[in-house]
Amino acid sequence: MNSVRYLHELQHIDLEIDARVAAIERIDERLRTDDSIPLARAVVESRESEVRAAQSALPEIEAEESDLNRRLASIDKGLRVGGIKNQSQLSHMEEERSRLLEEKSLLEERELEAMLADEAAGTGLAEARAELVRAEQAWAEESANLSQERIVLEAEIAELHRQRTAHLESAAGLDTELLAKYERLRKTRRGLAVAVVENGMCSGCRESLPKATLQECRSGQRVVYCSCGRILYAPH
């Protein structure tokens, strides 16, 4: 049995497992950290606050307007029914009436602005609520797809583990020290314990290999290591 070829085949299975485990971790991270719905809810809350502020402004303006109209009506009544004692009193009442009319004009402008702000706030709230619904629907669909993808990945991992077990059983005569070395290298070399010889180079560290090392690899007489520590495999 070619021990290095066997380890290379084992590594292929292990790398497939690693890839799927990493994919599951990415799915879990995505499921934990989605913030689209909290952000959409925060916008809704902000728009609701704007609506409340806009709506509270209108009653205050209407109360001011009612008081102002009452005062204007009182002056107009005084001017109509007479009872004005002198020109000074008349001038004072006319000046007060002019001032109140100017104040009323400004108040009407404020009222219009408040009504427009109320309308805009209501539109903004409706849009924010619609966006929240869209975000919830999109997340429900995405999370369902991610969960289904996770189930598929878990099934693939289970099948790969079955293949790994079968592969280990098929080479019961493999040197246990070499297998232990392989496992240690997998942990310290980012999962790549066995490096393929490609164009005279180690596929792990991309360093050129001495001719003697290349010849030993191709002979398959013993296990050869690269200077980076990985086991070298030269396909025939």
C-alpha atoms as a PDB file:
ATOM      1  CA  MET A   1       0.000   0.000   0.000  1.00  0.00           C
ATOM      2  CA  ASN A   2       1.209   3.500  -0.860  1.00  0.00           C
ATOM      3  CA  SER A   3       0.826   5.201   2.507  1.00  0.00           C
ATOM      4  CA  VAL A   4       1.233   8.735   1.164  1.00  0.00           C
ATOM      5  CA  ARG A   5      -1.384   8.230  -1.550  1.00  0.00           C
ATOM      6  CA  TYR A   6      -3.714   6.840   1.091  1.00  0.00           C
ATOM      7  CA  LEU A   7      -3.154   9.913   3.297  1.00  0.00           C
ATOM      8  CA  HIS A   8      -3.720  12.204   0.313  1.00  0.00           C
ATOM      9  CA  GLU A   9      -7.075  10.501  -0.323  1.00  0.00           C
ATOM     10  CA  LEU A  10      -7.923  10.790   3.368  1.00  0.00           C
ATOM     11  CA  GLN A  11      -7.022  14.459   3.299  1.00  0.00           C
ATOM     12  CA  HIS A  12      -9.374  15.005   0.348  1.00  0.00           C
ATOM     13  CA  ILE A  13     -12.229  13.679   2.483  1.00  0.00           C
ATOM     14  CA  ASP A  14     -11.126  15.753   5.481  1.00  0.00           C
ATOM     15  CA  LEU A  15     -10.939  18.936   3.395  1.00  0.00           C
ATOM     16  CA  GLU A  16     -14.451  18.306   2.083  1.00  0.00           C
ATOM     17  CA  ILE A  17     -15.620  17.961   5.690  1.00  0.00           C
ATOM     18  CA  ASP A  18     -13.764  21.151   6.664  1.00  0.00           C
ATOM     19  CA  ALA A  19     -15.407  23.084   3.828  1.00  0.00           C
ATOM     20  CA  ARG A  20     -18.882  22.047   4.919  1.00  0.00           C
ATOM     21  CA  VAL A  21     -18.205  22.723   8.589  1.00  0.00           C
ATOM     22  CA  ALA A  22     -17.014  26.221   7.620  1.00  0.00           C
ATOM     23  CA  ALA A  23     -20.158  26.717   5.528  1.00  0.00           C
ATOM     24  CA  ILE A  24     -22.328  25.749   8.510  1.00  0.00           C
ATOM     25  CA  GLU A  25     -20.422  28.194  10.718  1.00  0.00           C
ATOM     26  CA  ARG A  26     -21.084  30.967   8.193  1.00  0.00           C
ATOM     27  CA  ILE A  27     -24.770  30.067   8.130  1.00  0.00           C
ATOM     28  CA  ASP A  28     -24.961  30.078  11.931  1.00  0.00           C
ATOM     29  CA  GLU A  29     -23.209  33.449  12.058  1.00  0.00           C
ATOM     30  CA  ARG A  30     -25.631  34.865   9.513  1.00  0.00           C
ATOM     31  CA  LEU A  31     -28.612  33.509  11.451  1.00  0.00           C
ATOM     32  CA  ARG A  32     -27.261  35.067  14.670  1.00  0.00           C
ATOM     33  CA  THR A  33     -26.267  38.479  13.372  1.00  0.00           C
ATOM     34  CA  ASP A  34     -28.950  39.606  10.904  1.00  0.00           C
ATOM     35  CA  ASP A  35     -29.840  43.201  11.796  1.00  0.00           C
ATOM     36  CA  SER A  36     -32.196  44.147   8.950  1.00  0.00           C
ATOM     37  CA  ILE A  37     -35.340  43.654  11.038  1.00  0.00           C
ATOM     38  CA  PRO A  38     -34.077  45.500  14.186  1.00  0.00           C
ATOM     39  CA  LEU A  39     -32.994  48.404  11.953  1.00  0.00           C
ATOM     40  CA  ALA A  40     -36.372  48.480  10.204  1.00  0.00           C
ATOM     41  CA  ARG A  41     -38.143  48.393  13.569  1.00  0.00           C
ATOM     42  CA  ALA A  42     -35.993  51.263  14.823  1.00  0.00           C
ATOM     43  CA  VAL A  43     -37.024  53.338  11.793  1.00  0.00           C
ATOM     44  CA  VAL A  44     -40.709  52.554  12.489  1.00  0.00           C
ATOM     45  CA  GLU A  45     -40.292  53.671  16.118  1.00  0.00           C
ATOM     46  CA  SER A  46     -38.602  56.880  14.965  1.00  0.00           C
ATOM     47  CA  ARG A  47     -41.414  57.607  12.482  1.00  0.00           C
ATOM     48  CA  GLU A  48     -44.025  56.894  15.170  1.00  0.00           C
ATOM     49  CA  SER A  49     -42.308  59.450  17.395  1.00  0.00           C
ATOM     50  CA  GLU A  50     -42.415  61.987  14.556  1.00  0.00           C
ATOM     51  CA  VAL A  51     -46.143  61.338  14.056  1.00  0.00           C
ATOM     52  CA  ARG A  52     -46.849  61.833  17.765  1.00  0.00           C
ATOM     53  CA  ALA A  53     -44.877  65.100  17.783  1.00  0.00           C
ATOM     54  CA  ALA A  54     -46.672  66.379  14.678  1.00  0.00           C
ATOM     55  CA  GLN A  55     -50.095  65.430  16.001  1.00  0.00           C
ATOM     56  CA  SER A  56     -49.465  67.031  19.398  1.00  0.00           C
ATOM     57  CA  ALA A  57     -48.574  70.352  17.735  1.00  0.00           C
ATOM     58  CA  LEU A  58     -51.984  70.777  16.055  1.00  0.00           C
ATOM     59  CA  PRO A  59     -54.167  70.913  19.233  1.00  0.00           C
ATOM     60  CA  GLU A  60     -51.832  73.549  20.716  1.00  0.00           C
ATOM     61  CA  ILE A  61     -52.127  75.703  17.606  1.00  0.00           C
ATOM     62  CA  GLU A  62     -55.910  75.233  17.478  1.00  0.00           C
ATOM     63  CA  ALA A  63     -56.165  76.307  21.124  1.00  0.00           C
ATOM     64  CA  GLU A  64     -54.100  79.426  20.409  1.00  0.00           C
ATOM     65  CA  GLU A  65     -56.247  80.143  17.353  1.00  0.00           C
ATOM     66  CA  SER A  66     -59.461  79.777  19.345  1.00  0.00           C
ATOM     67  CA  ASP A  67     -58.204  82.222  21.991  1.00  0.00           C
ATOM     68  CA  LEU A  68     -57.068  84.671  19.336  1.00  0.00           C
ATOM     69  CA  ASN A  69     -60.434  84.515  17.517  1.00  0.00           C
ATOM     70  CA  ARG A  70     -62.198  85.151  20.811  1.00  0.00           C
ATOM     71  CA  ARG A  71     -60.113  88.267  21.408  1.00  0.00           C
ATOM     72  CA  LEU A  72     -60.671  89.488  17.847  1.00  0.00           C
ATOM     73  CA  ALA A  73     -64.403  88.932  18.178  1.00  0.00           C
ATOM     74  CA  SER A  74     -64.418  90.968  21.384  1.00  0.00           C
ATOM     75  CA  ILE A  75     -62.610  93.888  19.697  1.00  0.00           C
ATOM     76  CA  ASP A  76     -64.848  93.743  16.622  1.00  0.00           C
ATOM     77  CA  LYS A  77     -67.928  93.789  18.864  1.00  0.00           C
ATOM     78  CA  GLY A  78     -66.580  96.812  20.717  1.00  0.00           C
ATOM     79  CA  LEU A  79     -65.934  98.623  17.451  1.00  0.00           C
ATOM     80  CA  ARG A  80     -69.459  97.838  16.173  1.00  0.00           C
ATOM     81  CA  VAL A  81     -71.618  98.645  19.163  1.00  0.00           C
ATOM     82  CA  GLY A  82     -69.861 101.834  20.105  1.00  0.00           C
ATOM     83  CA  GLY A  83     -69.033 102.825  23.652  1.00  0.00           C
ATOM     84  CA  ILE A  84     -65.635 104.166  22.613  1.00  0.00           C
ATOM     85  CA  LYS A  85     -64.958 107.186  24.773  1.00  0.00           C
ATOM     86  CA  ASN A  86     -62.205 108.905  22.825  1.00  0.00           C
ATOM     87  CA  GLN A  87     -59.906 108.770  19.844  1.00  0.00           C
ATOM     88  CA  SER A  88     -57.054 107.328  21.925  1.00  0.00           C
ATOM     89  CA  GLN A  89     -59.176 104.343  22.904  1.00  0.00           C
ATOM     90  CA  LEU A  90     -60.212 103.839  19.287  1.00  0.00           C
ATOM     91  CA  SER A  91     -56.624 103.948  18.104  1.00  0.00           C
ATOM     92  CA  HIS A  92     -55.588 101.482  20.762  1.00  0.00           C
ATOM     93  CA  MET A  93     -58.360  99.038  19.762  1.00  0.00           C
ATOM     94  CA  GLU A  94     -57.503  99.314  16.076  1.00  0.00           C
ATOM     95  CA  GLU A  95     -53.804  98.764  16.779  1.00  0.00           C
ATOM     96  CA  GLU A  96     -54.632  95.734  18.933  1.00  0.00           C
ATOM     97  CA  ARG A  97     -56.885  94.393  16.175  1.00  0.00           C
ATOM     98  CA  SER A  98     -54.100  94.794  13.585  1.00  0.00           C
ATOM     99  CA  ARG A  99     -51.639  93.071  15.872  1.00  0.00           C
ATOM    100  CA  LEU A 100     -54.032  90.158  16.441  1.00  0.00           C
ATOM    101  CA  LEU A 101     -54.723  89.818  12.712  1.00  0.00           C
ATOM    102  CA  GLU A 102     -50.981  89.660  12.037  1.00  0.00           C
ATOM    103  CA  GLU A 103     -50.610  87.083  14.808  1.00  0.00           C
ATOM    104  CA  LYS A 104     -53.487  85.106  13.290  1.00  0.00           C
ATOM    105  CA  SER A 105     -51.774  85.116   9.893  1.00  0.00           C
ATOM    106  CA  LEU A 106     -48.588  83.743  11.436  1.00  0.00           C
ATOM    107  CA  LEU A 107     -50.604  81.189  13.375  1.00  0.00           C
ATOM    108  CA  GLU A 108     -52.314  80.015  10.189  1.00  0.00           C
ATOM    109  CA  GLU A 109     -48.883  79.540   8.611  1.00  0.00           C
ATOM    110  CA  ARG A 110     -47.816  77.489  11.603  1.00  0.00           C
ATOM    111  CA  GLU A 111     -51.008  75.470  11.369  1.00  0.00           C
ATOM    112  CA  LEU A 112     -50.403  74.740   7.682  1.00  0.00           C
ATOM    113  CA  GLU A 113     -46.805  73.717   8.399  1.00  0.00           C
ATOM    114  CA  ALA A 114     -48.002  71.461  11.233  1.00  0.00           C
ATOM    115  CA  MET A 115     -50.604  69.846   8.960  1.00  0.00           C
ATOM    116  CA  LEU A 116     -47.970  69.240   6.263  1.00  0.00           C
ATOM    117  CA  ALA A 117     -45.581  67.839   8.870  1.00  0.00           C
ATOM    118  CA  ASP A 118     -48.342  65.560  10.159  1.00  0.00           C
ATOM    119  CA  GLU A 119     -49.054  64.345   6.624  1.00  0.00           C
ATOM    120  CA  ALA A 120     -45.355  63.807   5.874  1.00  0.00           C
ATOM    121  CA  ALA A 121     -44.857  61.972   9.173  1.00  0.00           C
ATOM    122  CA  GLY A 122     -47.832  59.742   8.414  1.00  0.00           C
ATOM    123  CA  THR A 123     -46.459  58.947   4.951  1.00  0.00           C
ATOM    124  CA  GLY A 124     -43.028  58.238   6.411  1.00  0.00           C
ATOM    125  CA  LEU A 125     -44.552  55.935   9.010  1.00  0.00           C
ATOM    126  CA  ALA A 126     -46.525  54.027   6.381  1.00  0.00           C
ATOM    127  CA  GLU A 127     -43.377  53.589   4.275  1.00  0.00           C
ATOM    128  CA  ALA A 128     -41.360  52.469   7.312  1.00  0.00           C
ATOM    129  CA  ARG A 129     -43.997  49.910   8.262  1.00  0.00           C
ATOM    130  CA  ALA A 130     -44.086  48.607   4.688  1.00  0.00           C
ATOM    131  CA  GLU A 131     -40.303  48.310   4.713  1.00  0.00           C
ATOM    132  CA  LEU A 132     -40.473  46.391   7.998  1.00  0.00           C
ATOM    133  CA  VAL A 133     -42.938  43.940   6.446  1.00  0.00           C
ATOM    134  CA  ARG A 134     -40.629  43.503   3.435  1.00  0.00           C
ATOM    135  CA  ALA A 135     -37.629  42.958   5.727  1.00  0.00           C
ATOM    136  CA  GLU A 136     -39.520  40.377   7.785  1.00  0.00           C
ATOM    137  CA  GLN A 137     -40.668  38.527   4.673  1.00  0.00           C
ATOM    138  CA  ALA A 138     -37.178  38.599   3.132  1.00  0.00           C
ATOM    139  CA  TRP A 139     -35.592  37.362   6.360  1.00  0.00           C
ATOM    140  CA  ALA A 140     -38.191  34.607   6.757  1.00  0.00           C
ATOM    141  CA  GLU A 141     -37.377  33.398   3.251  1.00  0.00           C
ATOM    142  CA  GLU A 142     -33.601  33.718   3.679  1.00  0.00           C
ATOM    143  CA  SER A 143     -33.541  32.028   7.102  1.00  0.00           C
ATOM    144  CA  ALA A 144     -35.670  29.167   5.757  1.00  0.00           C
ATOM    145  CA  ASN A 145     -33.250  28.719   2.839  1.00  0.00           C
ATOM    146  CA  LEU A 146     -30.258  28.871   5.178  1.00  0.00           C
ATOM    147  CA  SER A 147     -31.799  26.316   7.517  1.00  0.00           C
ATOM    148  CA  GLN A 148     -32.486  23.991   4.596  1.00  0.00           C
ATOM    149  CA  GLU A 149     -28.933  24.470   3.328  1.00  0.00           C
ATOM    150  CA  ARG A 150     -27.645  23.620   6.789  1.00  0.00           C
ATOM    151  CA  ILE A 151     -29.627  20.367   6.813  1.00  0.00           C
ATOM    152  CA  VAL A 152     -28.111  19.409   3.440  1.00  0.00           C
ATOM    153  CA  LEU A 153     -24.598  20.230   4.655  1.00  0.00           C
ATOM    154  CA  GLU A 154     -25.075  18.175   7.820  1.00  0.00           C
ATOM    155  CA  ALA A 155     -26.198  15.199   5.703  1.00  0.00           C
ATOM    156  CA  GLU A 156     -23.141  15.604   3.459  1.00  0.00           C
ATOM    157  CA  ILE A 157     -20.851  15.754   6.500  1.00  0.00           C
ATOM    158  CA  ALA A 158     -22.407  12.562   7.867  1.00  0.00           C
ATOM    159  CA  GLU A 159     -21.807  10.820   4.520  1.00  0.00           C
ATOM    160  CA  LEU A 160     -18.206  12.082   4.390  1.00  0.00           C
ATOM    161  CA  HIS A 161     -17.571  10.784   7.902  1.00  0.00           C
ATOM    162  CA  ARG A 162     -18.919   7.426   6.771  1.00  0.00           C
ATOM    163  CA  GLN A 163     -16.493   7.501   3.830  1.00  0.00           C
ATOM    164  CA  ARG A 164     -13.658   8.495   6.152  1.00  0.00           C
ATOM    165  CA  THR A 165     -14.364   5.570   8.465  1.00  0.00           C
ATOM    166  CA  ALA A 166     -14.481   3.180   5.523  1.00  0.00           C
ATOM    167  CA  HIS A 167     -11.222   4.626   4.212  1.00  0.00           C
ATOM    168  CA  LEU A 168      -9.522   4.134   7.572  1.00  0.00           C
ATOM    169  CA  GLU A 169     -10.796   0.561   7.774  1.00  0.00           C
ATOM    170  CA  SER A 170      -9.532  -0.174   4.266  1.00  0.00           C
ATOM    171  CA  ALA A 171      -5.954   0.542   5.345  1.00  0.00           C
ATOM    172  CA  ALA A 172      -5.719  -1.184   8.685  1.00  0.00           C
ATOM    173  CA  GLY A 173      -2.029  -1.787   8.086  1.00  0.00           C
ATOM    174  CA  LEU A 174      -1.152   1.900   7.881  1.00  0.00           C
ATOM    175  CA  ASP A 175       1.580   3.002  10.269  1.00  0.00           C
ATOM    176  CA  THR A 176      -0.222   4.504  13.262  1.00  0.00           C
ATOM    177  CA  GLU A 177       2.692   6.895  13.881  1.00  0.00           C
ATOM    178  CA  LEU A 178       2.350   8.238  10.344  1.00  0.00           C
ATOM    179  CA  LEU A 179      -1.411   8.662  10.781  1.00  0.00           C
ATOM    180  CA  ALA A 180      -0.839  10.514  14.051  1.00  0.00           C
ATOM    181  CA  LYS A 181       1.714  12.712  12.298  1.00  0.00           C
ATOM    182  CA  TYR A 182      -0.862  13.443   9.602  1.00  0.00           C
ATOM    183  CA  GLU A 183      -3.426  14.479  12.210  1.00  0.00           C
ATOM    184  CA  ARG A 184      -0.926  16.801  13.923  1.00  0.00           C
ATOM    185  CA  LEU A 185       0.074  18.411  10.630  1.00  0.00           C
ATOM    186  CA  ARG A 186      -3.561  18.981   9.766  1.00  0.00           C
ATOM    187  CA  LYS A 187      -3.923  21.054  12.918  1.00  0.00           C
ATOM    188  CA  THR A 188      -0.738  23.082  12.410  1.00  0.00           C
ATOM    189  CA  ARG A 189      -0.799  23.506   8.605  1.00  0.00           C
ATOM    190  CA  ARG A 190      -4.322  24.849   8.131  1.00  0.00           C
ATOM    191  CA  GLY A 191      -5.725  21.459   7.232  1.00  0.00           C
ATOM    192  CA  LEU A 192      -3.106  20.684   4.577  1.00  0.00           C
ATOM    193  CA  ALA A 193      -0.864  17.934   5.904  1.00  0.00           C
ATOM    194  CA  VAL A 194      -0.109  16.348   2.514  1.00  0.00           C
ATOM    195  CA  ALA A 195       1.173  18.628  -0.248  1.00  0.00           C
ATOM    196  CA  VAL A 196       1.118  17.590  -3.887  1.00  0.00           C
ATOM    197  CA  VAL A 197       4.309  18.022  -5.903  1.00  0.00           C
ATOM    198  CA  GLU A 198       3.429  20.340  -8.798  1.00  0.00           C
ATOM    199  CA  ASN A 199       5.981  21.490 -11.369  1.00  0.00           C
ATOM    200  CA  GLY A 200       8.797  20.656  -8.990  1.00  0.00           C
ATOM    201  CA  MET A 201       7.247  22.661  -6.158  1.00  0.00           C
ATOM    202  CA  CYS A 202       5.456  21.924  -2.894  1.00  0.00           C
ATOM    203  CA  SER A 203       1.804  22.920  -3.296  1.00  0.00           C
ATOM    204  CA  GLY A 204       1.705  23.872   0.378  1.00  0.00           C
ATOM    205  CA  CYS A 205       4.496  26.440   0.630  1.00  0.00           C
ATOM    206  CA  ARG A 206       5.129  26.941  -3.124  1.00  0.00           C
ATOM    207  CA  GLU A 207       8.857  26.422  -2.653  1.00  0.00           C
ATOM    208  CA  SER A 208      10.930  24.599  -5.297  1.00  0.00           C
ATOM    209  CA  LEU A 209      12.083  21.162  -4.199  1.00  0.00           C
ATOM    210  CA  PRO A 210      15.651  19.793  -4.571  1.00  0.00           C
ATOM    211  CA  LYS A 211      16.082  17.182  -7.306  1.00  0.00           C
ATOM    212  CA  ALA A 212      16.982  14.509  -4.774  1.00  0.00           C
ATOM    213  CA  THR A 213      13.765  15.170  -2.864  1.00  0.00           C
ATOM    214  CA  LEU A 214      11.755  14.959  -6.085  1.00  0.00           C
ATOM    215  CA  GLN A 215      13.353  11.634  -6.961  1.00  0.00           C
ATOM    216  CA  GLU A 216      12.604  10.225  -3.498  1.00  0.00           C
ATOM    217  CA  CYS A 217       8.983  11.345  -3.754  1.00  0.00           C
ATOM    218  CA  ARG A 218       8.541   9.700  -7.138  1.00  0.00           C
ATOM    219  CA  SER A 219      10.160   6.471  -6.034  1.00  0.00           C
ATOM    220  CA  GLY A 220       7.587   6.017  -3.304  1.00  0.00           C
ATOM    221  CA  GLN A 221      10.072   4.042  -1.218  1.00  0.00           C
ATOM    222  CA  ARG A 222       9.615   6.145   1.910  1.00  0.00           C
ATOM    223  CA  VAL A 223       7.696   9.123   3.284  1.00  0.00           C
ATOM    224  CA  VAL A 224       9.329  12.407   2.269  1.00  0.00           C
ATOM    225  CA  TYR A 225       8.754  15.748   3.953  1.00  0.00           C
ATOM    226  CA  CYS A 226       9.071  19.288   2.597  1.00  0.00           C
ATOM    227  CA  SER A 227      11.056  21.869   4.533  1.00  0.00           C
ATOM    228  CA  CYS A 228       7.674  23.368   5.522  1.00  0.00           C
ATOM    229  CA  GLY A 229       6.966  20.120   7.393  1.00  0.00           C
ATOM    230  CA  ARG A 230       4.251  18.760   5.094  1.00  0.00           C
ATOM    231  CA  ILE A 231       4.230  15.244   3.691  1.00  0.00           C
ATOM    232  CA  LEU A 232       5.000  15.310  -0.032  1.00  0.00           C
ATOM    233  CA  TYR A 233       2.902  13.404  -2.532  1.00  0.00           C
ATOM    234  CA  ALA A 234       3.969  12.958  -6.155  1.00  0.00           C
ATOM    235  CA  PRO A 235       1.120  11.524  -8.249  1.00  0.00           C
ATOM    236  CA  HIS A 236       2.156   9.003 -10.891  1.00  0.00           C
END
